[in-house]
Amino acid sequence: MSFAERVMVRVSHAVAALCLLFLLPILPFLAVAAVASAVLRPAPETPAPSYRPGWAE
């Protein structure tokens, strides 16, 4: 493995470690927010039945 390839591997590992370091602690909060949003979302309002005149039937 050449020197450039080793440098690329080291850099990619460092980037992956930083992503995991910053993303993993946030994931539980995102999961709780998604559950809370799904639970607290109001039920969709059903529209009132529309008026149909007698001649439309």
C-alpha atoms as a PDB file:
ATOM      1  CA  MET A   1       0.000   0.000   0.000  1.00  0.00           C
ATOM      2  CA  SER A   2       1.462   3.315  -1.039  1.00  0.00           C
ATOM      3  CA  PHE A   3       1.923   6.301   1.219  1.00  0.00           C
ATOM      4  CA  ALA A   4      -0.919   8.232  -0.454  1.00  0.00           C
ATOM      5  CA  GLU A   5      -3.306   5.322   0.068  1.00  0.00           C
ATOM      6  CA  ARG A   6      -2.361   5.115   3.740  1.00  0.00           C
ATOM      7  CA  VAL A   7      -2.952   8.840   4.158  1.00  0.00           C
ATOM      8  CA  MET A   8      -6.360   8.543   2.475  1.00  0.00           C
ATOM      9  CA  VAL A   9      -7.320   5.657   4.787  1.00  0.00           C
ATOM     10  CA  ARG A  10      -6.222   7.593   7.876  1.00  0.00           C
ATOM     11  CA  VAL A  11      -8.135  10.699   6.790  1.00  0.00           C
ATOM     12  CA  SER A  12     -11.295   8.718   6.010  1.00  0.00           C
ATOM     13  CA  HIS A  13     -11.099   6.964   9.384  1.00  0.00           C
ATOM     14  CA  ALA A  14     -10.687  10.313  11.124  1.00  0.00           C
ATOM     15  CA  VAL A  15     -13.696  11.760   9.294  1.00  0.00           C
ATOM     16  CA  ALA A  16     -15.806   8.696  10.140  1.00  0.00           C
ATOM     17  CA  ALA A  17     -14.763   8.897  13.804  1.00  0.00           C
ATOM     18  CA  LEU A  18     -15.707  12.572  13.969  1.00  0.00           C
ATOM     19  CA  CYS A  19     -19.080  11.874  12.360  1.00  0.00           C
ATOM     20  CA  LEU A  20     -19.787   9.115  14.882  1.00  0.00           C
ATOM     21  CA  LEU A  21     -18.549  11.264  17.738  1.00  0.00           C
ATOM     22  CA  PHE A  22     -20.990  14.056  16.883  1.00  0.00           C
ATOM     23  CA  LEU A  23     -23.937  12.041  15.534  1.00  0.00           C
ATOM     24  CA  LEU A  24     -24.247   9.181  18.018  1.00  0.00           C
ATOM     25  CA  PRO A  25     -24.959  11.377  21.061  1.00  0.00           C
ATOM     26  CA  ILE A  26     -27.698  13.212  19.120  1.00  0.00           C
ATOM     27  CA  LEU A  27     -29.547  10.105  17.869  1.00  0.00           C
ATOM     28  CA  PRO A  28     -31.453   9.338  21.116  1.00  0.00           C
ATOM     29  CA  PHE A  29     -32.786  12.904  21.200  1.00  0.00           C
ATOM     30  CA  LEU A  30     -33.908  12.624  17.588  1.00  0.00           C
ATOM     31  CA  ALA A  31     -35.674   9.349  18.325  1.00  0.00           C
ATOM     32  CA  VAL A  32     -37.483  10.838  21.333  1.00  0.00           C
ATOM     33  CA  ALA A  33     -38.477  13.882  19.280  1.00  0.00           C
ATOM     34  CA  ALA A  34     -39.869  11.667  16.506  1.00  0.00           C
ATOM     35  CA  VAL A  35     -41.923   9.616  18.966  1.00  0.00           C
ATOM     36  CA  ALA A  36     -43.206  12.734  20.732  1.00  0.00           C
ATOM     37  CA  SER A  37     -44.139  14.287  17.413  1.00  0.00           C
ATOM     38  CA  ALA A  38     -46.048  11.188  16.355  1.00  0.00           C
ATOM     39  CA  VAL A  39     -47.875  10.930  19.689  1.00  0.00           C
ATOM     40  CA  LEU A  40     -48.711  14.619  20.069  1.00  0.00           C
ATOM     41  CA  ARG A  41     -49.757  15.217  16.462  1.00  0.00           C
ATOM     42  CA  PRO A  42     -53.471  16.066  16.355  1.00  0.00           C
ATOM     43  CA  ALA A  43     -55.804  13.750  14.502  1.00  0.00           C
ATOM     44  CA  PRO A  44     -56.581  14.933  10.987  1.00  0.00           C
ATOM     45  CA  GLU A  45     -59.834  16.811  10.817  1.00  0.00           C
ATOM     46  CA  THR A  46     -62.477  15.188   8.655  1.00  0.00           C
ATOM     47  CA  PRO A  47     -64.372  17.682   6.552  1.00  0.00           C
ATOM     48  CA  ALA A  48     -68.051  18.173   7.219  1.00  0.00           C
ATOM     49  CA  PRO A  49     -70.336  16.474   4.711  1.00  0.00           C
ATOM     50  CA  SER A  50     -70.978  18.785   1.830  1.00  0.00           C
ATOM     51  CA  TYR A  51     -74.432  19.957   0.947  1.00  0.00           C
ATOM     52  CA  ARG A  52     -75.900  18.236  -2.101  1.00  0.00           C
ATOM     53  CA  PRO A  53     -79.023  19.768  -3.570  1.00  0.00           C
ATOM     54  CA  GLY A  54     -81.971  17.530  -4.334  1.00  0.00           C
ATOM     55  CA  TRP A  55     -81.616  17.885  -8.095  1.00  0.00           C
ATOM     56  CA  ALA A  56     -78.022  16.485  -7.979  1.00  0.00           C
ATOM     57  CA  GLU A  57     -79.178  13.029  -6.934  1.00  0.00           C
END
